[in-house]
């Protein structure tokens, strides 16, 4: 099916149906996520940051604190 036709069909669905469809799509992507390769620039950046962390130049943040700060900042 062509993308435009798929989009048209999706628009005909109710909001709850579209939410279920979105979740199903994400679930199908998650099952195949191991097949995706990481770009070299991203690998390089992760290696750099991990090196900085091991040298004590970069700290970690608890995800709950980060989420709380972002919620407060953007409410």
PDB file of N, CA and C in Angstrom:
ATOM      1  N   UNK A   1       0.849  -1.180   0.000  1.00  0.00           N
ATOM      2  CA  UNK A   1       0.000   0.000   0.000  1.00  0.00           C
ATOM      3  C   UNK A   1       0.891   1.239   0.000  1.00  0.00           C
ATOM      4  N   UNK A   2       0.494   2.247  -0.704  1.00  0.00           N
ATOM      5  CA  UNK A   2       1.255   3.483  -0.795  1.00  0.00           C
ATOM      6  C   UNK A   2       1.123   4.303   0.487  1.00  0.00           C
ATOM      7  N   UNK A   3       2.198   5.022   0.877  1.00  0.00           N
ATOM      8  CA  UNK A   3       2.165   5.811   2.122  1.00  0.00           C
ATOM      9  C   UNK A   3       0.998   6.783   2.214  1.00  0.00           C
ATOM     10  N   UNK A   4       0.652   7.447   1.116  1.00  0.00           N
ATOM     11  CA  UNK A   4      -0.473   8.392   1.149  1.00  0.00           C
ATOM     12  C   UNK A   4      -1.787   7.689   1.483  1.00  0.00           C
ATOM     13  N   UNK A   5      -1.967   6.496   0.941  1.00  0.00           N
ATOM     14  CA  UNK A   5      -3.194   5.740   1.213  1.00  0.00           C
ATOM     15  C   UNK A   5      -3.216   5.279   2.663  1.00  0.00           C
ATOM     16  N   UNK A   6      -2.062   4.881   3.182  1.00  0.00           N
ATOM     17  CA  UNK A   6      -1.979   4.471   4.584  1.00  0.00           C
ATOM     18  C   UNK A   6      -2.345   5.644   5.480  1.00  0.00           C
ATOM     19  N   UNK A   7      -1.780   6.816   5.177  1.00  0.00           N
ATOM     20  CA  UNK A   7      -2.071   8.018   5.967  1.00  0.00           C
ATOM     21  C   UNK A   7      -3.556   8.342   5.941  1.00  0.00           C
ATOM     22  N   UNK A   8      -4.170   8.237   4.784  1.00  0.00           N
ATOM     23  CA  UNK A   8      -5.609   8.493   4.674  1.00  0.00           C
ATOM     24  C   UNK A   8      -6.410   7.518   5.533  1.00  0.00           C
ATOM     25  N   UNK A   9      -6.026   6.255   5.514  1.00  0.00           N
ATOM     26  CA  UNK A   9      -6.725   5.247   6.322  1.00  0.00           C
ATOM     27  C   UNK A   9      -6.538   5.517   7.812  1.00  0.00           C
ATOM     28  N   UNK A  10      -5.348   5.920   8.199  1.00  0.00           N
ATOM     29  CA  UNK A  10      -5.073   6.223   9.609  1.00  0.00           C
ATOM     30  C   UNK A  10      -5.945   7.382  10.077  1.00  0.00           C
ATOM     31  N   UNK A  11      -6.093   8.390   9.242  1.00  0.00           N
ATOM     32  CA  UNK A  11      -6.917   9.553   9.603  1.00  0.00           C
ATOM     33  C   UNK A  11      -8.373   9.186   9.826  1.00  0.00           C
ATOM     34  N   UNK A  12      -8.820   8.083   9.249  1.00  0.00           N
ATOM     35  CA  UNK A  12     -10.209   7.651   9.414  1.00  0.00           C
ATOM     36  C   UNK A  12     -10.431   6.928  10.746  1.00  0.00           C
ATOM     37  N   UNK A  13      -9.356   6.530  11.392  1.00  0.00           N
ATOM     38  CA  UNK A  13      -9.472   5.812  12.664  1.00  0.00           C
ATOM     39  C   UNK A  13      -9.809   6.779  13.791  1.00  0.00           C
ATOM     40  N   UNK A  14     -10.444   6.256  14.824  1.00  0.00           N
ATOM     41  CA  UNK A  14     -10.718   7.067  16.014  1.00  0.00           C
ATOM     42  C   UNK A  14      -9.400   7.271  16.771  1.00  0.00           C
ATOM     43  N   UNK A  15      -9.404   8.209  17.688  1.00  0.00           N
ATOM     44  CA  UNK A  15      -8.200   8.476  18.480  1.00  0.00           C
ATOM     45  C   UNK A  15      -7.736   7.226  19.233  1.00  0.00           C
ATOM     46  N   UNK A  16      -8.631   6.518  19.935  1.00  0.00           N
ATOM     47  CA  UNK A  16      -8.165   5.299  20.619  1.00  0.00           C
ATOM     48  C   UNK A  16      -7.581   4.263  19.655  1.00  0.00           C
ATOM     49  N   UNK A  17      -8.161   4.137  18.483  1.00  0.00           N
ATOM     50  CA  UNK A  17      -7.634   3.198  17.489  1.00  0.00           C
ATOM     51  C   UNK A  17      -6.243   3.617  17.010  1.00  0.00           C
ATOM     52  N   UNK A  18      -6.044   4.922  16.813  1.00  0.00           N
ATOM     53  CA  UNK A  18      -4.732   5.411  16.375  1.00  0.00           C
ATOM     54  C   UNK A  18      -3.685   5.210  17.456  1.00  0.00           C
ATOM     55  N   UNK A  19      -4.082   5.397  18.725  1.00  0.00           N
ATOM     56  CA  UNK A  19      -3.140   5.176  19.832  1.00  0.00           C
ATOM     57  C   UNK A  19      -2.720   3.703  19.892  1.00  0.00           C
ATOM     58  N   UNK A  20      -3.675   2.804  19.715  1.00  0.00           N
ATOM     59  CA  UNK A  20      -3.353   1.374  19.710  1.00  0.00           C
ATOM     60  C   UNK A  20      -2.437   1.053  18.529  1.00  0.00           C
ATOM     61  N   UNK A  21      -2.726   1.619  17.378  1.00  0.00           N
ATOM     62  CA  UNK A  21      -1.892   1.411  16.200  1.00  0.00           C
ATOM     63  C   UNK A  21      -0.473   1.923  16.431  1.00  0.00           C
ATOM     64  N   UNK A  22      -0.357   3.107  17.019  1.00  0.00           N
ATOM     65  CA  UNK A  22       0.968   3.669  17.302  1.00  0.00           C
ATOM     66  C   UNK A  22       1.752   2.757  18.236  1.00  0.00           C
ATOM     67  N   UNK A  23       1.094   2.238  19.264  1.00  0.00           N
ATOM     68  CA  UNK A  23       1.758   1.326  20.190  1.00  0.00           C
ATOM     69  C   UNK A  23       2.185   0.051  19.469  1.00  0.00           C
ATOM     70  N   UNK A  24       1.320  -0.476  18.620  1.00  0.00           N
ATOM     71  CA  UNK A  24       1.664  -1.679  17.860  1.00  0.00           C
ATOM     72  C   UNK A  24       2.863  -1.439  16.951  1.00  0.00           C
ATOM     73  N   UNK A  25       2.914  -0.267  16.333  1.00  0.00           N
ATOM     74  CA  UNK A  25       4.053   0.060  15.465  1.00  0.00           C
ATOM     75  C   UNK A  25       5.329   0.142  16.280  1.00  0.00           C
ATOM     76  N   UNK A  26       5.289   0.847  17.431  1.00  0.00           N
ATOM     77  CA  UNK A  26       6.484   0.941  18.284  1.00  0.00           C
ATOM     78  C   UNK A  26       6.926  -0.436  18.760  1.00  0.00           C
ATOM     79  N   UNK A  27       5.966  -1.291  19.121  1.00  0.00           N
ATOM     80  CA  UNK A  27       6.312  -2.644  19.562  1.00  0.00           C
ATOM     81  C   UNK A  27       7.000  -3.423  18.453  1.00  0.00           C
ATOM     82  N   UNK A  28       6.512  -3.288  17.228  1.00  0.00           N
ATOM     83  CA  UNK A  28       7.126  -4.005  16.106  1.00  0.00           C
ATOM     84  C   UNK A  28       8.533  -3.474  15.827  1.00  0.00           C
ATOM     85  N   UNK A  29       8.731  -2.170  16.006  1.00  0.00           N
ATOM     86  CA  UNK A  29      10.060  -1.585  15.825  1.00  0.00           C
ATOM     87  C   UNK A  29      11.009  -2.094  16.904  1.00  0.00           C
ATOM     88  N   UNK A  30      10.516  -2.164  18.137  1.00  0.00           N
ATOM     89  CA  UNK A  30      11.350  -2.619  19.251  1.00  0.00           C
ATOM     90  C   UNK A  30      11.838  -4.046  19.026  1.00  0.00           C
ATOM     91  N   UNK A  31      10.998  -4.888  18.433  1.00  0.00           N
ATOM     92  CA  UNK A  31      11.390  -6.264  18.172  1.00  0.00           C
ATOM     93  C   UNK A  31      12.544  -6.356  17.176  1.00  0.00           C
ATOM     94  N   UNK A  32      12.677  -5.361  16.329  1.00  0.00           N
ATOM     95  CA  UNK A  32      13.714  -5.377  15.303  1.00  0.00           C
ATOM     96  C   UNK A  32      14.813  -4.346  15.536  1.00  0.00           C
ATOM     97  N   UNK A  33      14.795  -3.694  16.694  1.00  0.00           N
ATOM     98  CA  UNK A  33      15.742  -2.604  16.936  1.00  0.00           C
ATOM     99  C   UNK A  33      17.195  -3.072  16.907  1.00  0.00           C
ATOM    100  N   UNK A  34      17.438  -4.338  17.200  1.00  0.00           N
ATOM    101  CA  UNK A  34      18.804  -4.861  17.143  1.00  0.00           C
ATOM    102  C   UNK A  34      19.377  -4.884  15.741  1.00  0.00           C
ATOM    103  N   UNK A  35      18.525  -4.783  14.752  1.00  0.00           N
ATOM    104  CA  UNK A  35      18.968  -4.790  13.359  1.00  0.00           C
ATOM    105  C   UNK A  35      19.469  -3.427  12.889  1.00  0.00           C
ATOM    106  N   UNK A  36      19.177  -2.383  13.682  1.00  0.00           N
ATOM    107  CA  UNK A  36      19.602  -1.038  13.311  1.00  0.00           C
ATOM    108  C   UNK A  36      21.024  -0.797  13.785  1.00  0.00           C
ATOM    109  N   UNK A  37      21.830  -0.266  12.925  1.00  0.00           N
ATOM    110  CA  UNK A  37      23.195   0.041  13.334  1.00  0.00           C
ATOM    111  C   UNK A  37      23.272   1.479  13.841  1.00  0.00           C
ATOM    112  N   UNK A  38      24.174   1.690  14.787  1.00  0.00           N
ATOM    113  CA  UNK A  38      24.370   3.021  15.336  1.00  0.00           C
ATOM    114  C   UNK A  38      25.327   3.785  14.419  1.00  0.00           C
ATOM    115  N   UNK A  39      25.016   5.039  14.103  1.00  0.00           N
ATOM    116  CA  UNK A  39      25.920   5.825  13.259  1.00  0.00           C
ATOM    117  C   UNK A  39      27.287   6.002  13.938  1.00  0.00           C
ATOM    118  N   UNK A  40      28.327   6.110  13.149  1.00  0.00           N
ATOM    119  CA  UNK A  40      29.683   6.256  13.681  1.00  0.00           C
ATOM    120  C   UNK A  40      29.824   7.492  14.563  1.00  0.00           C
ATOM    121  N   UNK A  41      29.182   8.604  14.190  1.00  0.00           N
ATOM    122  CA  UNK A  41      29.295   9.811  15.001  1.00  0.00           C
ATOM    123  C   UNK A  41      28.727   9.576  16.394  1.00  0.00           C
ATOM    124  N   UNK A  42      27.667   8.763  16.466  1.00  0.00           N
ATOM    125  CA  UNK A  42      27.047   8.506  17.759  1.00  0.00           C
ATOM    126  C   UNK A  42      27.923   7.570  18.604  1.00  0.00           C
ATOM    127  N   UNK A  43      28.490   6.558  17.974  1.00  0.00           N
ATOM    128  CA  UNK A  43      29.420   5.672  18.685  1.00  0.00           C
ATOM    129  C   UNK A  43      30.595   6.470  19.240  1.00  0.00           C
ATOM    130  N   UNK A  44      31.127   7.347  18.411  1.00  0.00           N
ATOM    131  CA  UNK A  44      32.262   8.170  18.815  1.00  0.00           C
ATOM    132  C   UNK A  44      31.906   9.056  20.013  1.00  0.00           C
ATOM    133  N   UNK A  45      30.738   9.666  19.959  1.00  0.00           N
ATOM    134  CA  UNK A  45      30.301  10.541  21.055  1.00  0.00           C
ATOM    135  C   UNK A  45      30.112   9.746  22.347  1.00  0.00           C
ATOM    136  N   UNK A  46      29.518   8.569  22.248  1.00  0.00           N
ATOM    137  CA  UNK A  46      29.334   7.732  23.433  1.00  0.00           C
ATOM    138  C   UNK A  46      30.674   7.304  24.031  1.00  0.00           C
ATOM    139  N   UNK A  47      31.614   6.928  23.180  1.00  0.00           N
ATOM    140  CA  UNK A  47      32.943   6.547  23.663  1.00  0.00           C
ATOM    141  C   UNK A  47      33.628   7.724  24.350  1.00  0.00           C
ATOM    142  N   UNK A  48      33.505   8.914  23.770  1.00  0.00           N
ATOM    143  CA  UNK A  48      34.095  10.110  24.369  1.00  0.00           C
ATOM    144  C   UNK A  48      33.495  10.380  25.746  1.00  0.00           C
ATOM    145  N   UNK A  49      32.186  10.331  25.830  1.00  0.00           N
ATOM    146  CA  UNK A  49      31.519  10.606  27.109  1.00  0.00           C
ATOM    147  C   UNK A  49      31.827   9.539  28.151  1.00  0.00           C
ATOM    148  N   UNK A  50      31.902   8.282  27.729  1.00  0.00           N
ATOM    149  CA  UNK A  50      32.226   7.217  28.667  1.00  0.00           C
ATOM    150  C   UNK A  50      33.648   7.402  29.196  1.00  0.00           C
ATOM    151  N   UNK A  51      34.545   7.798  28.325  1.00  0.00           N
ATOM    152  CA  UNK A  51      35.921   8.084  28.750  1.00  0.00           C
ATOM    153  C   UNK A  51      35.960   9.219  29.760  1.00  0.00           C
ATOM    154  N   UNK A  52      35.199  10.273  29.510  1.00  0.00           N
ATOM    155  CA  UNK A  52      35.130  11.388  30.444  1.00  0.00           C
ATOM    156  C   UNK A  52      34.552  10.936  31.786  1.00  0.00           C
ATOM    157  N   UNK A  53      33.542  10.077  31.738  1.00  0.00           N
ATOM    158  CA  UNK A  53      32.941   9.563  32.972  1.00  0.00           C
ATOM    159  C   UNK A  53      33.967   8.755  33.765  1.00  0.00           C
ATOM    160  N   UNK A  54      34.697   7.868  33.088  1.00  0.00           N
ATOM    161  CA  UNK A  54      35.691   7.038  33.779  1.00  0.00           C
ATOM    162  C   UNK A  54      36.803   7.877  34.390  1.00  0.00           C
ATOM    163  N   UNK A  55      37.112   9.028  33.797  1.00  0.00           N
ATOM    164  CA  UNK A  55      38.154   9.918  34.316  1.00  0.00           C
ATOM    165  C   UNK A  55      37.613  10.846  35.405  1.00  0.00           C
ATOM    166  N   UNK A  56      36.328  10.746  35.702  1.00  0.00           N
ATOM    167  CA  UNK A  56      35.729  11.588  36.731  1.00  0.00           C
ATOM    168  C   UNK A  56      35.406  12.999  36.263  1.00  0.00           C
ATOM    169  N   UNK A  57      35.436  13.219  34.957  1.00  0.00           N
ATOM    170  CA  UNK A  57      35.165  14.548  34.404  1.00  0.00           C
ATOM    171  C   UNK A  57      33.681  14.744  34.062  1.00  0.00           C
ATOM    172  N   UNK A  58      32.918  13.677  34.176  1.00  0.00           N
ATOM    173  CA  UNK A  58      31.516  13.751  33.794  1.00  0.00           C
ATOM    174  C   UNK A  58      30.707  12.985  34.834  1.00  0.00           C
ATOM    175  N   UNK A  59      29.684  13.633  35.381  1.00  0.00           N
ATOM    176  CA  UNK A  59      28.858  13.004  36.401  1.00  0.00           C
ATOM    177  C   UNK A  59      27.586  12.425  35.823  1.00  0.00           C
ATOM    178  N   UNK A  60      26.926  11.632  36.637  1.00  0.00           N
ATOM    179  CA  UNK A  60      25.653  11.039  36.247  1.00  0.00           C
ATOM    180  C   UNK A  60      24.519  11.734  36.991  1.00  0.00           C
ATOM    181  N   UNK A  61      23.332  11.669  36.422  1.00  0.00           N
ATOM    182  CA  UNK A  61      22.151  12.270  37.027  1.00  0.00           C
ATOM    183  C   UNK A  61      21.061  11.213  37.131  1.00  0.00           C
ATOM    184  N   UNK A  62      20.376  11.176  38.248  1.00  0.00           N
ATOM    185  CA  UNK A  62      19.270  10.258  38.420  1.00  0.00           C
ATOM    186  C   UNK A  62      18.145  10.656  37.462  1.00  0.00           C
ATOM    187  N   UNK A  63      17.603   9.686  36.749  1.00  0.00           N
ATOM    188  CA  UNK A  63      16.584  10.001  35.742  1.00  0.00           C
ATOM    189  C   UNK A  63      15.353  10.629  36.368  1.00  0.00           C
ATOM    190  N   UNK A  64      15.023  10.274  37.609  1.00  0.00           N
ATOM    191  CA  UNK A  64      13.848  10.869  38.249  1.00  0.00           C
ATOM    192  C   UNK A  64      14.060  12.366  38.470  1.00  0.00           C
ATOM    193  N   UNK A  65      15.283  12.732  38.856  1.00  0.00           N
ATOM    194  CA  UNK A  65      15.584  14.153  39.058  1.00  0.00           C
ATOM    195  C   UNK A  65      15.538  14.915  37.739  1.00  0.00           C
ATOM    196  N   UNK A  66      16.070  14.300  36.691  1.00  0.00           N
ATOM    197  CA  UNK A  66      16.064  14.939  35.362  1.00  0.00           C
ATOM    198  C   UNK A  66      14.624  15.140  34.894  1.00  0.00           C
ATOM    199  N   UNK A  67      13.788  14.109  35.026  1.00  0.00           N
ATOM    200  CA  UNK A  67      12.393  14.230  34.601  1.00  0.00           C
ATOM    201  C   UNK A  67      11.671  15.302  35.402  1.00  0.00           C
ATOM    202  N   UNK A  68      11.893  15.320  36.705  1.00  0.00           N
ATOM    203  CA  UNK A  68      11.232  16.321  37.549  1.00  0.00           C
ATOM    204  C   UNK A  68      11.653  17.732  37.136  1.00  0.00           C
ATOM    205  N   UNK A  69      12.934  17.901  36.871  1.00  0.00           N
ATOM    206  CA  UNK A  69      13.427  19.221  36.458  1.00  0.00           C
ATOM    207  C   UNK A  69      12.819  19.642  35.118  1.00  0.00           C
ATOM    208  N   UNK A  70      12.742  18.720  34.187  1.00  0.00           N
ATOM    209  CA  UNK A  70      12.162  19.041  32.880  1.00  0.00           C
ATOM    210  C   UNK A  70      10.663  19.347  32.995  1.00  0.00           C
ATOM    211  N   UNK A  71       9.961  18.576  33.817  1.00  0.00           N
ATOM    212  CA  UNK A  71       8.529  18.842  34.011  1.00  0.00           C
ATOM    213  C   UNK A  71       8.320  20.231  34.612  1.00  0.00           C
ATOM    214  N   UNK A  72       9.160  20.575  35.556  1.00  0.00           N
ATOM    215  CA  UNK A  72       9.037  21.883  36.193  1.00  0.00           C
ATOM    216  C   UNK A  72       9.359  22.996  35.209  1.00  0.00           C
ATOM    217  N   UNK A  73      10.390  22.797  34.411  1.00  0.00           N
ATOM    218  CA  UNK A  73      10.818  23.818  33.467  1.00  0.00           C
ATOM    219  C   UNK A  73       9.796  24.056  32.370  1.00  0.00           C
ATOM    220  N   UNK A  74       9.116  23.008  31.908  1.00  0.00           N
ATOM    221  CA  UNK A  74       8.241  23.124  30.740  1.00  0.00           C
ATOM    222  C   UNK A  74       6.758  22.991  31.055  1.00  0.00           C
ATOM    223  N   UNK A  75       6.368  23.293  32.291  1.00  0.00           N
ATOM    224  CA  UNK A  75       4.920  23.196  32.575  1.00  0.00           C
ATOM    225  C   UNK A  75       4.197  24.456  32.215  1.00  0.00           C
TER     226      UNK A  75
END
